[in-house]
Amino acid sequence: MRRKTAVVSRWLHIYLSMVSFALVLFFSVTGLTLNHTEWFDGQQRTVTSTGNMPLALLAKPDELRIVEQIRNVHHVRGAMSDFRTEDNQITVSFKGPGYSADAGITRATGKYELVEVRNGFVAVMNDLHKGRDTGKTWGWVIDVSAVLLVLVSLSGFALIFFLYKRRTAGLVVAAVGAIVIVVMYRCFVP
């Protein structure tokens, strides 16, 4: 039984580590870039466009057709995050990883201004890391990543019990690592 547990732990650890290799690399690199956003200042680009919306869409606002008109004309990305109708104006917002677009449409004339903000590749990666404006499917990717990393950690921890010569040192290092994290949190996090 003991040998079988060791074999299963090793197998799990090796193959889960290989499956999650890209995830570990992605989340560790983006963790670093999230912690040092100042390294990537100046990557933001803002583009302003104008256009005319057919007045027939604005009298009794047809949300879907208005959104699709903006998408088709300006190739706007992201999901629609907000649609507001007021007496004089309609505003439409789109959000995606590292991206936002806001359109203000004057109802009387159909004229609109669209402001797109593109924050660069690193901002896209950082938003993917956080799951911001990424949709439900990417939320599942983050959840599966978390489960895989927990399994890799637990299978690696289980392996130390089968390495007789390194067991004590390994457990001491694991305990010291956990204690250091708790002490760092208690002492340095406001």
N, C-alpha and C. Protein backbone atom coordinates (compact mmCIF):
# COMPACT_ATOMS: atom_id res chain seq x y z
N MET A 1 0.83 -1.20 0.00
CA MET A 1 0.00 0.00 0.00
C MET A 1 0.87 1.26 0.00
N ARG A 2 1.92 1.22 0.82
CA ARG A 2 2.82 2.36 0.92
C ARG A 2 3.52 2.63 -0.41
N ARG A 3 3.96 1.57 -1.04
CA ARG A 3 4.64 1.71 -2.34
C ARG A 3 3.68 2.24 -3.40
N LYS A 4 2.46 1.73 -3.38
CA LYS A 4 1.46 2.17 -4.35
C LYS A 4 1.15 3.66 -4.18
N THR A 5 1.05 4.10 -2.94
CA THR A 5 0.81 5.52 -2.66
C THR A 5 1.97 6.37 -3.17
N ALA A 6 3.19 5.89 -2.98
CA ALA A 6 4.37 6.61 -3.47
C ALA A 6 4.36 6.71 -4.99
N VAL A 7 4.03 5.62 -5.66
CA VAL A 7 3.99 5.60 -7.13
C VAL A 7 2.91 6.56 -7.64
N VAL A 8 1.73 6.51 -7.03
CA VAL A 8 0.63 7.39 -7.45
C VAL A 8 0.99 8.85 -7.20
N SER A 9 1.59 9.14 -6.05
CA SER A 9 2.00 10.52 -5.73
C SER A 9 3.01 11.03 -6.75
N ARG A 10 3.99 10.20 -7.07
CA ARG A 10 5.02 10.60 -8.03
C ARG A 10 4.40 10.82 -9.41
N TRP A 11 3.55 9.87 -9.84
CA TRP A 11 2.90 9.99 -11.14
C TRP A 11 2.06 11.28 -11.20
N LEU A 12 1.24 11.51 -10.18
CA LEU A 12 0.42 12.72 -10.13
C LEU A 12 1.28 13.98 -10.19
N HIS A 13 2.32 13.99 -9.39
CA HIS A 13 3.16 15.18 -9.31
C HIS A 13 3.84 15.47 -10.65
N ILE A 14 4.38 14.45 -11.27
CA ILE A 14 5.08 14.64 -12.54
C ILE A 14 4.12 15.12 -13.63
N TYR A 15 3.01 14.42 -13.81
CA TYR A 15 2.13 14.75 -14.93
C TYR A 15 1.30 16.00 -14.68
N LEU A 16 0.87 16.22 -13.47
CA LEU A 16 0.16 17.47 -13.18
C LEU A 16 1.10 18.67 -13.31
N SER A 17 2.36 18.47 -12.93
CA SER A 17 3.34 19.55 -13.09
C SER A 17 3.55 19.89 -14.56
N MET A 18 3.62 18.87 -15.40
CA MET A 18 3.81 19.11 -16.83
C MET A 18 2.58 19.76 -17.45
N VAL A 19 1.39 19.31 -17.05
CA VAL A 19 0.15 19.90 -17.57
C VAL A 19 0.05 21.36 -17.15
N SER A 20 0.44 21.65 -15.93
CA SER A 20 0.26 23.02 -15.41
C SER A 20 1.51 23.89 -15.56
N PHE A 21 2.53 23.40 -16.27
CA PHE A 21 3.76 24.16 -16.44
C PHE A 21 3.50 25.56 -16.99
N ALA A 22 2.74 25.64 -18.09
CA ALA A 22 2.46 26.95 -18.71
C ALA A 22 1.67 27.84 -17.76
N LEU A 23 0.76 27.22 -16.99
CA LEU A 23 -0.03 27.99 -16.03
C LEU A 23 0.85 28.58 -14.93
N VAL A 24 1.75 27.77 -14.41
CA VAL A 24 2.66 28.25 -13.36
C VAL A 24 3.52 29.39 -13.91
N LEU A 25 4.04 29.21 -15.10
CA LEU A 25 4.86 30.25 -15.72
C LEU A 25 4.05 31.52 -15.95
N PHE A 26 2.85 31.38 -16.51
CA PHE A 26 1.99 32.54 -16.78
C PHE A 26 1.65 33.29 -15.50
N PHE A 27 1.16 32.57 -14.48
CA PHE A 27 0.74 33.25 -13.26
C PHE A 27 1.91 33.79 -12.45
N SER A 28 3.08 33.20 -12.55
CA SER A 28 4.23 33.75 -11.83
C SER A 28 4.75 35.01 -12.53
N VAL A 29 4.83 35.00 -13.86
CA VAL A 29 5.30 36.19 -14.58
C VAL A 29 4.30 37.33 -14.41
N THR A 30 3.01 37.05 -14.57
CA THR A 30 2.03 38.12 -14.42
C THR A 30 1.89 38.57 -12.97
N GLY A 31 2.19 37.70 -12.03
CA GLY A 31 2.22 38.14 -10.63
C GLY A 31 3.30 39.19 -10.43
N LEU A 32 4.43 38.99 -11.07
CA LEU A 32 5.53 39.96 -11.00
C LEU A 32 5.15 41.26 -11.71
N THR A 33 4.55 41.17 -12.89
CA THR A 33 4.18 42.39 -13.61
C THR A 33 3.05 43.14 -12.91
N LEU A 34 2.18 42.42 -12.23
CA LEU A 34 1.13 43.09 -11.44
C LEU A 34 1.72 43.86 -10.28
N ASN A 35 2.76 43.32 -9.71
CA ASN A 35 3.39 43.96 -8.55
C ASN A 35 4.24 45.16 -8.95
N HIS A 36 4.59 45.25 -10.23
CA HIS A 36 5.46 46.33 -10.70
C HIS A 36 4.87 46.96 -11.97
N THR A 37 3.67 47.46 -11.89
CA THR A 37 3.02 48.06 -13.06
C THR A 37 3.78 49.27 -13.59
N GLU A 38 4.55 49.92 -12.72
CA GLU A 38 5.30 51.11 -13.16
C GLU A 38 6.36 50.76 -14.22
N TRP A 39 6.76 49.50 -14.31
CA TRP A 39 7.72 49.10 -15.32
C TRP A 39 7.15 49.27 -16.73
N PHE A 40 5.85 49.30 -16.83
CA PHE A 40 5.21 49.30 -18.14
C PHE A 40 4.35 50.54 -18.38
N ASP A 41 4.67 51.62 -17.68
CA ASP A 41 3.96 52.87 -17.91
C ASP A 41 4.18 53.33 -19.35
N GLY A 42 3.23 54.02 -19.88
CA GLY A 42 3.38 54.56 -21.23
C GLY A 42 2.91 53.64 -22.33
N GLN A 43 2.37 52.49 -22.00
CA GLN A 43 1.89 51.58 -23.04
C GLN A 43 0.45 51.87 -23.45
N GLN A 44 -0.23 52.73 -22.70
CA GLN A 44 -1.63 53.01 -22.98
C GLN A 44 -1.78 53.88 -24.22
N ARG A 45 -2.70 53.48 -25.10
CA ARG A 45 -3.02 54.25 -26.30
C ARG A 45 -4.51 54.57 -26.29
N THR A 46 -4.83 55.83 -26.55
CA THR A 46 -6.22 56.25 -26.62
C THR A 46 -6.52 56.70 -28.04
N VAL A 47 -7.61 56.18 -28.59
CA VAL A 47 -8.03 56.53 -29.94
C VAL A 47 -9.46 57.05 -29.86
N THR A 48 -9.69 58.23 -30.44
CA THR A 48 -11.03 58.81 -30.46
C THR A 48 -11.55 58.80 -31.89
N SER A 49 -12.77 58.30 -32.06
CA SER A 49 -13.41 58.24 -33.37
C SER A 49 -14.79 58.89 -33.27
N THR A 50 -15.31 59.30 -34.41
CA THR A 50 -16.65 59.87 -34.44
C THR A 50 -17.46 59.17 -35.52
N GLY A 51 -18.76 59.33 -35.43
CA GLY A 51 -19.62 58.73 -36.44
C GLY A 51 -21.04 59.21 -36.27
N ASN A 52 -21.92 58.66 -37.11
CA ASN A 52 -23.34 58.99 -37.06
C ASN A 52 -24.15 57.71 -36.95
N MET A 53 -25.04 57.69 -35.98
CA MET A 53 -25.92 56.56 -35.75
C MET A 53 -27.25 56.85 -36.45
N PRO A 54 -27.83 55.88 -37.15
CA PRO A 54 -29.15 56.12 -37.75
C PRO A 54 -30.17 56.53 -36.68
N LEU A 55 -30.88 57.61 -36.94
CA LEU A 55 -31.84 58.14 -35.95
C LEU A 55 -32.94 57.15 -35.62
N ALA A 56 -33.27 56.28 -36.57
CA ALA A 56 -34.32 55.29 -36.32
C ALA A 56 -33.97 54.37 -35.15
N LEU A 57 -32.68 54.16 -34.90
CA LEU A 57 -32.26 53.29 -33.79
C LEU A 57 -32.33 54.00 -32.45
N LEU A 58 -32.44 55.33 -32.47
CA LEU A 58 -32.32 56.11 -31.24
C LEU A 58 -33.64 56.54 -30.63
N ALA A 59 -34.71 56.65 -31.44
CA ALA A 59 -35.99 57.13 -30.92
C ALA A 59 -36.46 56.23 -29.78
N LYS A 60 -36.61 54.97 -30.07
CA LYS A 60 -36.84 53.96 -29.03
C LYS A 60 -35.61 53.06 -29.12
N PRO A 61 -34.61 53.32 -28.27
CA PRO A 61 -33.28 52.70 -28.46
C PRO A 61 -33.32 51.18 -28.62
N ASP A 62 -32.76 50.73 -29.73
CA ASP A 62 -32.61 49.31 -30.00
C ASP A 62 -31.19 48.93 -29.59
N GLU A 63 -31.06 48.44 -28.36
CA GLU A 63 -29.75 48.19 -27.76
C GLU A 63 -28.87 47.32 -28.64
N LEU A 64 -29.40 46.20 -29.08
CA LEU A 64 -28.61 45.25 -29.87
C LEU A 64 -28.11 45.88 -31.17
N ARG A 65 -28.98 46.56 -31.88
CA ARG A 65 -28.58 47.14 -33.17
C ARG A 65 -27.60 48.29 -32.99
N ILE A 66 -27.76 49.07 -31.91
CA ILE A 66 -26.82 50.16 -31.64
C ILE A 66 -25.43 49.60 -31.35
N VAL A 67 -25.39 48.59 -30.49
CA VAL A 67 -24.11 47.96 -30.13
C VAL A 67 -23.45 47.35 -31.37
N GLU A 68 -24.23 46.64 -32.17
CA GLU A 68 -23.66 46.00 -33.37
C GLU A 68 -23.22 47.04 -34.40
N GLN A 69 -23.92 48.16 -34.49
CA GLN A 69 -23.50 49.24 -35.41
C GLN A 69 -22.11 49.74 -35.01
N ILE A 70 -21.92 49.98 -33.71
CA ILE A 70 -20.62 50.46 -33.23
C ILE A 70 -19.54 49.40 -33.47
N ARG A 71 -19.87 48.14 -33.18
CA ARG A 71 -18.90 47.05 -33.40
C ARG A 71 -18.51 46.95 -34.88
N ASN A 72 -19.50 46.98 -35.76
CA ASN A 72 -19.23 46.81 -37.18
C ASN A 72 -18.42 47.95 -37.78
N VAL A 73 -18.72 49.16 -37.37
CA VAL A 73 -18.04 50.33 -37.94
C VAL A 73 -16.63 50.49 -37.38
N HIS A 74 -16.48 50.26 -36.07
CA HIS A 74 -15.20 50.58 -35.41
C HIS A 74 -14.42 49.35 -34.94
N HIS A 75 -14.95 48.16 -35.16
CA HIS A 75 -14.28 46.91 -34.76
C HIS A 75 -13.95 46.91 -33.27
N VAL A 76 -14.92 47.35 -32.48
CA VAL A 76 -14.76 47.40 -31.03
C VAL A 76 -14.68 45.99 -30.48
N ARG A 77 -13.80 45.79 -29.50
CA ARG A 77 -13.62 44.48 -28.86
C ARG A 77 -14.31 44.47 -27.51
N GLY A 78 -14.24 43.35 -26.86
CA GLY A 78 -14.74 43.24 -25.50
C GLY A 78 -16.25 43.06 -25.45
N ALA A 79 -16.72 42.77 -24.25
CA ALA A 79 -18.15 42.59 -24.02
C ALA A 79 -18.77 43.93 -23.66
N MET A 80 -20.04 44.10 -24.02
CA MET A 80 -20.72 45.32 -23.62
C MET A 80 -20.89 45.26 -22.10
N SER A 81 -20.41 46.29 -21.42
CA SER A 81 -20.50 46.30 -19.96
C SER A 81 -21.56 47.25 -19.43
N ASP A 82 -21.98 48.20 -20.27
CA ASP A 82 -22.97 49.17 -19.80
C ASP A 82 -23.68 49.79 -20.99
N PHE A 83 -24.98 49.98 -20.84
CA PHE A 83 -25.79 50.66 -21.86
C PHE A 83 -26.77 51.54 -21.10
N ARG A 84 -26.63 52.84 -21.25
CA ARG A 84 -27.50 53.78 -20.53
C ARG A 84 -28.23 54.68 -21.50
N THR A 85 -29.51 54.82 -21.24
CA THR A 85 -30.34 55.70 -22.06
C THR A 85 -30.81 56.86 -21.20
N GLU A 86 -30.51 58.06 -21.64
CA GLU A 86 -30.99 59.27 -20.97
C GLU A 86 -31.78 60.08 -22.00
N ASP A 87 -32.38 61.17 -21.56
CA ASP A 87 -33.20 61.97 -22.47
C ASP A 87 -32.44 62.45 -23.70
N ASN A 88 -31.22 62.93 -23.50
CA ASN A 88 -30.45 63.53 -24.60
C ASN A 88 -29.35 62.65 -25.15
N GLN A 89 -28.98 61.60 -24.40
CA GLN A 89 -27.78 60.86 -24.77
C GLN A 89 -27.93 59.38 -24.45
N ILE A 90 -27.23 58.58 -25.22
CA ILE A 90 -27.08 57.15 -24.94
C ILE A 90 -25.59 56.90 -24.78
N THR A 91 -25.21 56.18 -23.75
CA THR A 91 -23.81 55.81 -23.57
C THR A 91 -23.69 54.29 -23.59
N VAL A 92 -22.67 53.83 -24.27
CA VAL A 92 -22.40 52.40 -24.38
C VAL A 92 -20.94 52.18 -24.00
N SER A 93 -20.70 51.19 -23.14
CA SER A 93 -19.33 50.88 -22.72
C SER A 93 -19.02 49.42 -23.03
N PHE A 94 -17.79 49.19 -23.44
CA PHE A 94 -17.28 47.84 -23.72
C PHE A 94 -16.03 47.64 -22.87
N LYS A 95 -15.87 46.43 -22.35
CA LYS A 95 -14.68 46.12 -21.55
C LYS A 95 -14.12 44.78 -21.99
N GLY A 96 -12.81 44.71 -22.00
CA GLY A 96 -12.11 43.47 -22.27
C GLY A 96 -10.77 43.54 -21.57
N PRO A 97 -10.01 42.46 -21.54
CA PRO A 97 -8.70 42.50 -20.90
C PRO A 97 -7.80 43.57 -21.53
N GLY A 98 -7.37 44.53 -20.73
CA GLY A 98 -6.49 45.58 -21.21
C GLY A 98 -7.14 46.53 -22.19
N TYR A 99 -8.47 46.60 -22.18
CA TYR A 99 -9.18 47.36 -23.21
C TYR A 99 -10.48 47.93 -22.66
N SER A 100 -10.81 49.13 -23.09
CA SER A 100 -12.14 49.69 -22.82
C SER A 100 -12.52 50.62 -23.97
N ALA A 101 -13.81 50.72 -24.21
CA ALA A 101 -14.32 51.64 -25.23
C ALA A 101 -15.63 52.22 -24.71
N ASP A 102 -15.77 53.53 -24.86
CA ASP A 102 -16.97 54.23 -24.41
C ASP A 102 -17.48 55.10 -25.54
N ALA A 103 -18.77 54.95 -25.84
CA ALA A 103 -19.40 55.76 -26.89
C ALA A 103 -20.48 56.61 -26.26
N GLY A 104 -20.48 57.90 -26.60
CA GLY A 104 -21.54 58.81 -26.19
C GLY A 104 -22.29 59.25 -27.43
N ILE A 105 -23.59 58.91 -27.50
CA ILE A 105 -24.40 59.18 -28.70
C ILE A 105 -25.42 60.26 -28.37
N THR A 106 -25.43 61.33 -29.16
CA THR A 106 -26.43 62.38 -29.00
C THR A 106 -27.71 61.92 -29.70
N ARG A 107 -28.79 61.81 -28.95
CA ARG A 107 -30.02 61.24 -29.50
C ARG A 107 -30.67 62.12 -30.56
N ALA A 108 -30.56 63.42 -30.44
CA ALA A 108 -31.22 64.33 -31.39
C ALA A 108 -30.59 64.29 -32.77
N THR A 109 -29.28 64.12 -32.83
CA THR A 109 -28.57 64.19 -34.12
C THR A 109 -28.01 62.85 -34.59
N GLY A 110 -27.81 61.92 -33.67
CA GLY A 110 -27.19 60.63 -34.02
C GLY A 110 -25.68 60.67 -34.02
N LYS A 111 -25.11 61.85 -33.81
CA LYS A 111 -23.64 61.96 -33.79
C LYS A 111 -23.11 61.30 -32.51
N TYR A 112 -21.97 60.64 -32.65
CA TYR A 112 -21.37 60.03 -31.47
C TYR A 112 -19.86 60.16 -31.50
N GLU A 113 -19.31 60.02 -30.31
CA GLU A 113 -17.86 59.98 -30.15
C GLU A 113 -17.53 58.68 -29.42
N LEU A 114 -16.55 57.98 -29.95
CA LEU A 114 -16.10 56.72 -29.36
C LEU A 114 -14.67 56.89 -28.90
N VAL A 115 -14.42 56.58 -27.64
CA VAL A 115 -13.06 56.66 -27.08
C VAL A 115 -12.63 55.24 -26.71
N GLU A 116 -11.59 54.76 -27.40
CA GLU A 116 -11.04 53.43 -27.12
C GLU A 116 -9.71 53.59 -26.38
N VAL A 117 -9.54 52.81 -25.32
CA VAL A 117 -8.30 52.82 -24.55
C VAL A 117 -7.71 51.41 -24.62
N ARG A 118 -6.50 51.33 -25.18
CA ARG A 118 -5.78 50.05 -25.28
C ARG A 118 -4.55 50.16 -24.40
N ASN A 119 -4.45 49.24 -23.47
CA ASN A 119 -3.42 49.34 -22.44
C ASN A 119 -2.17 48.51 -22.69
N GLY A 120 -2.05 47.85 -23.80
CA GLY A 120 -0.84 47.11 -24.13
C GLY A 120 -0.89 45.65 -23.70
N PHE A 121 0.08 44.91 -24.20
CA PHE A 121 0.14 43.46 -23.99
C PHE A 121 0.24 43.08 -22.52
N VAL A 122 1.07 43.77 -21.76
CA VAL A 122 1.26 43.43 -20.34
C VAL A 122 -0.04 43.64 -19.57
N ALA A 123 -0.76 44.71 -19.87
CA ALA A 123 -2.04 44.96 -19.20
C ALA A 123 -3.06 43.87 -19.54
N VAL A 124 -3.04 43.39 -20.77
CA VAL A 124 -3.93 42.28 -21.15
C VAL A 124 -3.59 41.06 -20.30
N MET A 125 -2.30 40.73 -20.21
CA MET A 125 -1.88 39.57 -19.41
C MET A 125 -2.25 39.75 -17.93
N ASN A 126 -2.06 40.96 -17.40
CA ASN A 126 -2.41 41.23 -16.01
C ASN A 126 -3.91 41.08 -15.77
N ASP A 127 -4.72 41.55 -16.71
CA ASP A 127 -6.17 41.39 -16.55
C ASP A 127 -6.58 39.93 -16.65
N LEU A 128 -5.90 39.16 -17.50
CA LEU A 128 -6.16 37.72 -17.55
C LEU A 128 -5.80 37.07 -16.21
N HIS A 129 -4.70 37.49 -15.61
CA HIS A 129 -4.29 36.97 -14.31
C HIS A 129 -5.38 37.21 -13.27
N LYS A 130 -5.95 38.41 -13.28
CA LYS A 130 -6.97 38.78 -12.29
C LYS A 130 -8.37 38.32 -12.68
N GLY A 131 -8.56 37.93 -13.92
CA GLY A 131 -9.89 37.56 -14.38
C GLY A 131 -10.78 38.77 -14.62
N ARG A 132 -10.18 39.93 -14.81
CA ARG A 132 -10.95 41.16 -14.99
C ARG A 132 -11.41 41.27 -16.44
N ASP A 133 -12.71 41.45 -16.62
CA ASP A 133 -13.30 41.65 -17.95
C ASP A 133 -12.94 40.53 -18.92
N THR A 134 -12.92 39.28 -18.42
CA THR A 134 -12.50 38.15 -19.24
C THR A 134 -13.61 37.16 -19.55
N GLY A 135 -14.74 37.26 -18.90
CA GLY A 135 -15.85 36.35 -19.16
C GLY A 135 -15.79 35.09 -18.31
N LYS A 136 -16.87 34.33 -18.38
CA LYS A 136 -17.02 33.14 -17.53
C LYS A 136 -16.05 32.02 -17.90
N THR A 137 -15.79 31.85 -19.18
CA THR A 137 -14.90 30.75 -19.59
C THR A 137 -13.51 30.94 -19.00
N TRP A 138 -12.99 32.16 -19.05
CA TRP A 138 -11.67 32.40 -18.47
C TRP A 138 -11.72 32.23 -16.95
N GLY A 139 -12.85 32.53 -16.33
CA GLY A 139 -13.00 32.26 -14.90
C GLY A 139 -12.81 30.78 -14.59
N TRP A 140 -13.32 29.93 -15.48
CA TRP A 140 -13.12 28.49 -15.32
C TRP A 140 -11.64 28.11 -15.49
N VAL A 141 -10.96 28.77 -16.42
CA VAL A 141 -9.52 28.51 -16.60
C VAL A 141 -8.78 28.83 -15.30
N ILE A 142 -9.12 29.94 -14.66
CA ILE A 142 -8.47 30.31 -13.40
C ILE A 142 -8.79 29.28 -12.32
N ASP A 143 -10.05 28.84 -12.25
CA ASP A 143 -10.43 27.84 -11.24
C ASP A 143 -9.71 26.51 -11.46
N VAL A 144 -9.66 26.07 -12.71
CA VAL A 144 -8.96 24.81 -13.02
C VAL A 144 -7.47 24.95 -12.71
N SER A 145 -6.90 26.11 -13.01
CA SER A 145 -5.49 26.36 -12.69
C SER A 145 -5.25 26.24 -11.20
N ALA A 146 -6.13 26.83 -10.41
CA ALA A 146 -5.98 26.78 -8.96
C ALA A 146 -6.05 25.34 -8.46
N VAL A 147 -7.00 24.57 -8.97
CA VAL A 147 -7.12 23.17 -8.54
C VAL A 147 -5.88 22.38 -8.94
N LEU A 148 -5.40 22.57 -10.17
CA LEU A 148 -4.18 21.87 -10.61
C LEU A 148 -2.99 22.22 -9.72
N LEU A 149 -2.83 23.49 -9.39
CA LEU A 149 -1.69 23.89 -8.57
C LEU A 149 -1.80 23.36 -7.14
N VAL A 150 -3.02 23.27 -6.62
CA VAL A 150 -3.21 22.66 -5.30
C VAL A 150 -2.81 21.19 -5.36
N LEU A 151 -3.24 20.49 -6.41
CA LEU A 151 -2.89 19.07 -6.54
C LEU A 151 -1.39 18.86 -6.73
N VAL A 152 -0.75 19.73 -7.50
CA VAL A 152 0.71 19.64 -7.66
C VAL A 152 1.39 19.83 -6.31
N SER A 153 0.95 20.83 -5.56
CA SER A 153 1.55 21.10 -4.25
C SER A 153 1.34 19.93 -3.29
N LEU A 154 0.12 19.43 -3.23
CA LEU A 154 -0.16 18.33 -2.30
C LEU A 154 0.56 17.04 -2.69
N SER A 155 0.62 16.76 -4.00
CA SER A 155 1.33 15.54 -4.42
C SER A 155 2.83 15.68 -4.16
N GLY A 156 3.38 16.87 -4.35
CA GLY A 156 4.79 17.10 -4.02
C GLY A 156 5.04 16.96 -2.53
N PHE A 157 4.11 17.49 -1.73
CA PHE A 157 4.24 17.37 -0.27
C PHE A 157 4.17 15.90 0.15
N ALA A 158 3.28 15.14 -0.49
CA ALA A 158 3.16 13.71 -0.17
C ALA A 158 4.44 12.96 -0.53
N LEU A 159 5.09 13.37 -1.61
CA LEU A 159 6.32 12.70 -2.04
C LEU A 159 7.43 12.77 -1.00
N ILE A 160 7.48 13.86 -0.25
CA ILE A 160 8.57 14.02 0.73
C ILE A 160 8.54 12.91 1.78
N PHE A 161 7.36 12.36 2.03
CA PHE A 161 7.24 11.30 3.03
C PHE A 161 7.84 9.98 2.55
N PHE A 162 8.10 9.86 1.26
CA PHE A 162 8.68 8.64 0.71
C PHE A 162 10.18 8.78 0.43
N LEU A 163 10.72 9.94 0.69
CA LEU A 163 12.16 10.17 0.52
C LEU A 163 12.79 10.19 1.91
N TYR A 164 13.14 9.02 2.39
CA TYR A 164 13.57 8.85 3.78
C TYR A 164 14.72 9.76 4.17
N LYS A 165 15.72 9.87 3.31
CA LYS A 165 16.91 10.66 3.66
C LYS A 165 16.63 12.16 3.65
N ARG A 166 15.60 12.57 2.94
CA ARG A 166 15.32 14.01 2.82
C ARG A 166 14.04 14.43 3.54
N ARG A 167 13.34 13.50 4.13
CA ARG A 167 12.05 13.79 4.74
C ARG A 167 12.14 14.89 5.80
N THR A 168 13.02 14.73 6.76
CA THR A 168 13.11 15.70 7.86
C THR A 168 13.49 17.08 7.34
N ALA A 169 14.52 17.13 6.51
CA ALA A 169 14.95 18.42 5.96
C ALA A 169 13.83 19.05 5.12
N GLY A 170 13.15 18.25 4.33
CA GLY A 170 12.06 18.75 3.49
C GLY A 170 10.91 19.31 4.31
N LEU A 171 10.54 18.60 5.36
CA LEU A 171 9.45 19.07 6.22
C LEU A 171 9.85 20.34 6.97
N VAL A 172 11.12 20.40 7.39
CA VAL A 172 11.60 21.61 8.08
C VAL A 172 11.56 22.81 7.12
N VAL A 173 12.02 22.62 5.89
CA VAL A 173 12.00 23.71 4.91
C VAL A 173 10.55 24.13 4.62
N ALA A 174 9.64 23.18 4.49
CA ALA A 174 8.23 23.51 4.25
C ALA A 174 7.66 24.30 5.42
N ALA A 175 7.97 23.88 6.64
CA ALA A 175 7.48 24.58 7.84
C ALA A 175 8.07 25.99 7.92
N VAL A 176 9.38 26.10 7.67
CA VAL A 176 10.03 27.42 7.72
C VAL A 176 9.42 28.33 6.65
N GLY A 177 9.18 27.81 5.46
CA GLY A 177 8.55 28.61 4.41
C GLY A 177 7.18 29.11 4.82
N ALA A 178 6.37 28.25 5.42
CA ALA A 178 5.04 28.66 5.88
C ALA A 178 5.14 29.70 6.98
N ILE A 179 6.07 29.51 7.91
CA ILE A 179 6.25 30.46 9.01
C ILE A 179 6.71 31.82 8.48
N VAL A 180 7.65 31.82 7.54
CA VAL A 180 8.14 33.07 6.96
C VAL A 180 6.99 33.85 6.31
N ILE A 181 6.12 33.16 5.59
CA ILE A 181 4.99 33.83 4.94
C ILE A 181 4.07 34.45 5.99
N VAL A 182 3.76 33.72 7.05
CA VAL A 182 2.89 34.24 8.11
C VAL A 182 3.54 35.44 8.79
N VAL A 183 4.83 35.34 9.10
CA VAL A 183 5.54 36.45 9.76
C VAL A 183 5.58 37.67 8.84
N MET A 184 5.87 37.47 7.56
CA MET A 184 5.88 38.59 6.61
C MET A 184 4.52 39.27 6.57
N TYR A 185 3.47 38.48 6.56
CA TYR A 185 2.12 39.04 6.54
C TYR A 185 1.85 39.85 7.81
N ARG A 186 2.14 39.26 8.95
CA ARG A 186 1.88 39.92 10.24
C ARG A 186 2.70 41.19 10.42
N CYS A 187 3.93 41.17 9.97
CA CYS A 187 4.84 42.31 10.22
C CYS A 187 4.78 43.40 9.16
N PHE A 188 4.50 43.04 7.92
CA PHE A 188 4.68 44.01 6.85
C PHE A 188 3.42 44.39 6.07
N VAL A 189 2.32 43.71 6.32
CA VAL A 189 1.08 44.05 5.61
C VAL A 189 0.23 44.91 6.53
N PRO A 190 -0.09 46.13 6.10
CA PRO A 190 -0.87 47.04 6.97
C PRO A 190 -2.29 46.53 7.22
